[in-house]
Amino acid sequence: MNKEKLFKMMAAASLIICAGVWVPNVVFQVASPWWMVIFIIAPAGIVFAGLIKNYWLIVLNTIMLFSFFILMFTGYFVNSITDGKP
């Protein structure tokens, strides 16, 4: 297996893992601390994607790196629009 294919698989795997750790929190509403893994795995995915110059994987892993802040902003924004009522 050549390095380019290995780096692409590692970058894609980091993207899938980062998206997967949000499932318990967002879908099942279970407070799981595993979402903090994104701060370790997403930068590695960005590096692997950068080594093969795959810009889509760089962008998607960067979005996953900031996903906590994006979800927090979205939650507060929706809460402010609806005045805290479901």
N, C-alpha and C. Protein backbone atom coordinates (compact mmCIF):
# COMPACT_ATOMS: atom_id res chain seq x y z
N MET A 1 0.85 -1.17 0.00
CA MET A 1 0.00 0.00 0.00
C MET A 1 0.90 1.24 0.00
N ASN A 2 0.62 2.15 -0.91
CA ASN A 2 1.46 3.34 -0.98
C ASN A 2 1.05 4.35 0.08
N LYS A 3 1.93 5.32 0.32
CA LYS A 3 1.71 6.29 1.39
C LYS A 3 0.50 7.17 1.13
N GLU A 4 0.27 7.54 -0.13
CA GLU A 4 -0.85 8.43 -0.45
C GLU A 4 -2.18 7.77 -0.08
N LYS A 5 -2.32 6.51 -0.41
CA LYS A 5 -3.56 5.80 -0.09
C LYS A 5 -3.72 5.64 1.42
N LEU A 6 -2.62 5.36 2.11
CA LEU A 6 -2.66 5.22 3.57
C LEU A 6 -3.04 6.53 4.24
N PHE A 7 -2.46 7.64 3.79
CA PHE A 7 -2.79 8.95 4.36
C PHE A 7 -4.24 9.32 4.08
N LYS A 8 -4.74 8.98 2.90
CA LYS A 8 -6.14 9.27 2.58
C LYS A 8 -7.07 8.45 3.46
N MET A 9 -6.73 7.19 3.70
CA MET A 9 -7.55 6.35 4.58
C MET A 9 -7.51 6.86 6.01
N MET A 10 -6.36 7.31 6.48
CA MET A 10 -6.24 7.84 7.83
C MET A 10 -7.03 9.14 7.99
N ALA A 11 -6.99 10.01 7.00
CA ALA A 11 -7.74 11.27 7.05
C ALA A 11 -9.25 11.00 7.03
N ALA A 12 -9.67 10.06 6.19
CA ALA A 12 -11.09 9.71 6.13
C ALA A 12 -11.54 9.02 7.41
N ALA A 13 -10.69 8.18 7.97
CA ALA A 13 -11.03 7.50 9.22
C ALA A 13 -11.16 8.50 10.36
N SER A 14 -10.30 9.49 10.39
CA SER A 14 -10.40 10.50 11.45
C SER A 14 -11.68 11.31 11.31
N LEU A 15 -12.09 11.56 10.07
CA LEU A 15 -13.35 12.27 9.84
C LEU A 15 -14.53 11.44 10.33
N ILE A 16 -14.52 10.16 10.03
CA ILE A 16 -15.62 9.27 10.45
C ILE A 16 -15.65 9.12 11.97
N ILE A 17 -14.49 9.00 12.59
CA ILE A 17 -14.44 8.88 14.04
C ILE A 17 -14.95 10.16 14.70
N CYS A 18 -14.53 11.31 14.19
CA CYS A 18 -14.97 12.58 14.76
C CYS A 18 -16.47 12.77 14.61
N ALA A 19 -17.02 12.36 13.49
CA ALA A 19 -18.47 12.45 13.32
C ALA A 19 -19.18 11.43 14.21
N GLY A 20 -18.58 10.28 14.39
CA GLY A 20 -19.19 9.22 15.19
C GLY A 20 -19.26 9.54 16.68
N VAL A 21 -18.30 10.29 17.20
CA VAL A 21 -18.34 10.58 18.63
C VAL A 21 -19.43 11.58 19.00
N TRP A 22 -20.00 12.26 18.01
CA TRP A 22 -21.11 13.18 18.29
C TRP A 22 -22.46 12.47 18.35
N VAL A 23 -22.53 11.25 17.86
CA VAL A 23 -23.82 10.54 17.80
C VAL A 23 -24.49 10.41 19.17
N PRO A 24 -23.80 9.96 20.23
CA PRO A 24 -24.50 9.85 21.51
C PRO A 24 -25.02 11.19 22.03
N ASN A 25 -24.26 12.25 21.82
CA ASN A 25 -24.65 13.56 22.34
C ASN A 25 -25.80 14.17 21.54
N VAL A 26 -25.70 14.14 20.24
CA VAL A 26 -26.67 14.84 19.40
C VAL A 26 -27.91 13.99 19.13
N VAL A 27 -27.73 12.74 18.78
CA VAL A 27 -28.86 11.90 18.38
C VAL A 27 -29.59 11.33 19.59
N PHE A 28 -28.84 10.73 20.52
CA PHE A 28 -29.47 10.03 21.64
C PHE A 28 -29.62 10.90 22.88
N GLN A 29 -29.10 12.13 22.86
CA GLN A 29 -29.17 13.06 23.99
C GLN A 29 -28.57 12.45 25.27
N VAL A 30 -27.48 11.74 25.12
CA VAL A 30 -26.76 11.15 26.24
C VAL A 30 -25.45 11.93 26.39
N ALA A 31 -25.19 12.45 27.57
CA ALA A 31 -23.98 13.25 27.79
C ALA A 31 -22.76 12.34 27.82
N SER A 32 -22.08 12.24 26.71
CA SER A 32 -20.90 11.41 26.59
C SER A 32 -19.66 12.31 26.46
N PRO A 33 -18.63 12.07 27.25
CA PRO A 33 -17.42 12.90 27.17
C PRO A 33 -16.52 12.55 25.99
N TRP A 34 -16.91 11.57 25.18
CA TRP A 34 -16.06 11.15 24.07
C TRP A 34 -15.91 12.21 22.99
N TRP A 35 -16.77 13.25 22.99
CA TRP A 35 -16.67 14.28 21.96
C TRP A 35 -15.34 15.02 22.04
N MET A 36 -14.67 14.97 23.21
CA MET A 36 -13.40 15.67 23.36
C MET A 36 -12.27 15.03 22.54
N VAL A 37 -12.52 13.83 22.05
CA VAL A 37 -11.54 13.15 21.20
C VAL A 37 -11.31 13.92 19.90
N ILE A 38 -12.29 14.73 19.49
CA ILE A 38 -12.14 15.48 18.24
C ILE A 38 -10.96 16.44 18.28
N PHE A 39 -10.59 16.92 19.48
CA PHE A 39 -9.47 17.84 19.58
C PHE A 39 -8.12 17.15 19.39
N ILE A 40 -8.12 15.84 19.41
CA ILE A 40 -6.88 15.07 19.17
C ILE A 40 -6.87 14.48 17.77
N ILE A 41 -8.01 13.92 17.36
CA ILE A 41 -8.06 13.18 16.09
C ILE A 41 -8.21 14.10 14.88
N ALA A 42 -9.01 15.16 15.00
CA ALA A 42 -9.23 16.05 13.85
C ALA A 42 -7.94 16.73 13.37
N PRO A 43 -7.08 17.24 14.26
CA PRO A 43 -5.82 17.80 13.75
C PRO A 43 -4.95 16.78 13.03
N ALA A 44 -4.98 15.53 13.52
CA ALA A 44 -4.22 14.49 12.82
C ALA A 44 -4.80 14.26 11.43
N GLY A 45 -6.13 14.29 11.31
CA GLY A 45 -6.77 14.16 10.00
C GLY A 45 -6.42 15.31 9.08
N ILE A 46 -6.32 16.51 9.64
CA ILE A 46 -5.94 17.67 8.83
C ILE A 46 -4.51 17.50 8.31
N VAL A 47 -3.63 17.00 9.16
CA VAL A 47 -2.24 16.79 8.74
C VAL A 47 -2.16 15.73 7.65
N PHE A 48 -2.84 14.60 7.85
CA PHE A 48 -2.82 13.54 6.84
C PHE A 48 -3.41 14.02 5.52
N ALA A 49 -4.51 14.77 5.59
CA ALA A 49 -5.10 15.29 4.35
C ALA A 49 -4.20 16.33 3.71
N GLY A 50 -3.50 17.11 4.51
CA GLY A 50 -2.58 18.10 3.97
C GLY A 50 -1.38 17.47 3.28
N LEU A 51 -0.95 16.32 3.79
CA LEU A 51 0.19 15.63 3.16
C LEU A 51 -0.13 15.14 1.76
N ILE A 52 -1.40 14.81 1.51
CA ILE A 52 -1.78 14.34 0.17
C ILE A 52 -2.49 15.43 -0.64
N LYS A 53 -2.61 16.63 -0.02
CA LYS A 53 -3.22 17.80 -0.67
C LYS A 53 -4.66 17.53 -1.12
N ASN A 54 -5.41 16.85 -0.27
CA ASN A 54 -6.84 16.61 -0.52
C ASN A 54 -7.61 17.69 0.23
N TYR A 55 -8.02 18.73 -0.50
CA TYR A 55 -8.60 19.91 0.14
C TYR A 55 -9.97 19.64 0.76
N TRP A 56 -10.73 18.72 0.20
CA TRP A 56 -12.03 18.39 0.79
C TRP A 56 -11.86 17.78 2.17
N LEU A 57 -10.92 16.89 2.31
CA LEU A 57 -10.68 16.27 3.62
C LEU A 57 -10.10 17.28 4.60
N ILE A 58 -9.30 18.22 4.12
CA ILE A 58 -8.78 19.27 5.00
C ILE A 58 -9.93 20.11 5.54
N VAL A 59 -10.83 20.53 4.65
CA VAL A 59 -11.96 21.37 5.06
C VAL A 59 -12.89 20.60 6.01
N LEU A 60 -13.21 19.36 5.68
CA LEU A 60 -14.13 18.60 6.52
C LEU A 60 -13.53 18.28 7.89
N ASN A 61 -12.25 17.97 7.95
CA ASN A 61 -11.62 17.74 9.25
C ASN A 61 -11.50 19.03 10.05
N THR A 62 -11.31 20.16 9.37
CA THR A 62 -11.29 21.44 10.07
C THR A 62 -12.67 21.77 10.64
N ILE A 63 -13.72 21.49 9.88
CA ILE A 63 -15.08 21.68 10.40
C ILE A 63 -15.31 20.80 11.62
N MET A 64 -14.83 19.56 11.57
CA MET A 64 -14.98 18.67 12.72
C MET A 64 -14.16 19.17 13.91
N LEU A 65 -13.03 19.81 13.67
CA LEU A 65 -12.23 20.36 14.75
C LEU A 65 -13.00 21.45 15.49
N PHE A 66 -13.73 22.26 14.74
CA PHE A 66 -14.50 23.35 15.34
C PHE A 66 -15.97 22.99 15.55
N SER A 67 -16.32 21.72 15.44
CA SER A 67 -17.72 21.31 15.53
C SER A 67 -18.33 21.60 16.90
N PHE A 68 -17.55 21.52 17.96
CA PHE A 68 -18.09 21.85 19.28
C PHE A 68 -18.57 23.29 19.31
N PHE A 69 -17.77 24.19 18.80
CA PHE A 69 -18.13 25.60 18.80
C PHE A 69 -19.28 25.88 17.85
N ILE A 70 -19.32 25.18 16.73
CA ILE A 70 -20.42 25.34 15.78
C ILE A 70 -21.73 24.87 16.39
N LEU A 71 -21.71 23.70 17.03
CA LEU A 71 -22.93 23.18 17.66
C LEU A 71 -23.35 24.04 18.85
N MET A 72 -22.40 24.54 19.60
CA MET A 72 -22.72 25.40 20.73
C MET A 72 -23.37 26.69 20.24
N PHE A 73 -22.81 27.31 19.21
CA PHE A 73 -23.38 28.52 18.65
C PHE A 73 -24.79 28.26 18.12
N THR A 74 -24.96 27.15 17.41
CA THR A 74 -26.27 26.82 16.85
C THR A 74 -27.30 26.61 17.96
N GLY A 75 -26.91 25.91 19.02
CA GLY A 75 -27.83 25.68 20.13
C GLY A 75 -28.24 26.97 20.81
N TYR A 76 -27.28 27.84 21.08
CA TYR A 76 -27.60 29.12 21.70
C TYR A 76 -28.43 30.01 20.77
N PHE A 77 -28.14 29.96 19.49
CA PHE A 77 -28.90 30.77 18.53
C PHE A 77 -30.35 30.31 18.46
N VAL A 78 -30.57 29.01 18.36
CA VAL A 78 -31.93 28.48 18.32
C VAL A 78 -32.65 28.79 19.64
N ASN A 79 -31.94 28.69 20.74
CA ASN A 79 -32.54 28.99 22.05
C ASN A 79 -32.94 30.45 22.14
N SER A 80 -32.13 31.34 21.58
CA SER A 80 -32.48 32.76 21.64
C SER A 80 -33.65 33.10 20.72
N ILE A 81 -33.75 32.41 19.60
CA ILE A 81 -34.86 32.67 18.67
C ILE A 81 -36.18 32.17 19.27
N THR A 82 -36.15 31.02 19.90
CA THR A 82 -37.39 30.42 20.42
C THR A 82 -37.65 30.81 21.87
N ASP A 83 -36.85 31.68 22.45
CA ASP A 83 -37.00 32.11 23.84
C ASP A 83 -36.93 30.94 24.81
N GLY A 84 -36.18 29.92 24.48
CA GLY A 84 -35.98 28.77 25.36
C GLY A 84 -37.14 27.82 25.41
N LYS A 85 -38.09 27.96 24.52
CA LYS A 85 -39.24 27.05 24.50
C LYS A 85 -39.05 26.03 23.38
N PRO A 86 -39.31 24.76 23.67
CA PRO A 86 -39.11 23.75 22.64
C PRO A 86 -40.11 23.82 21.52
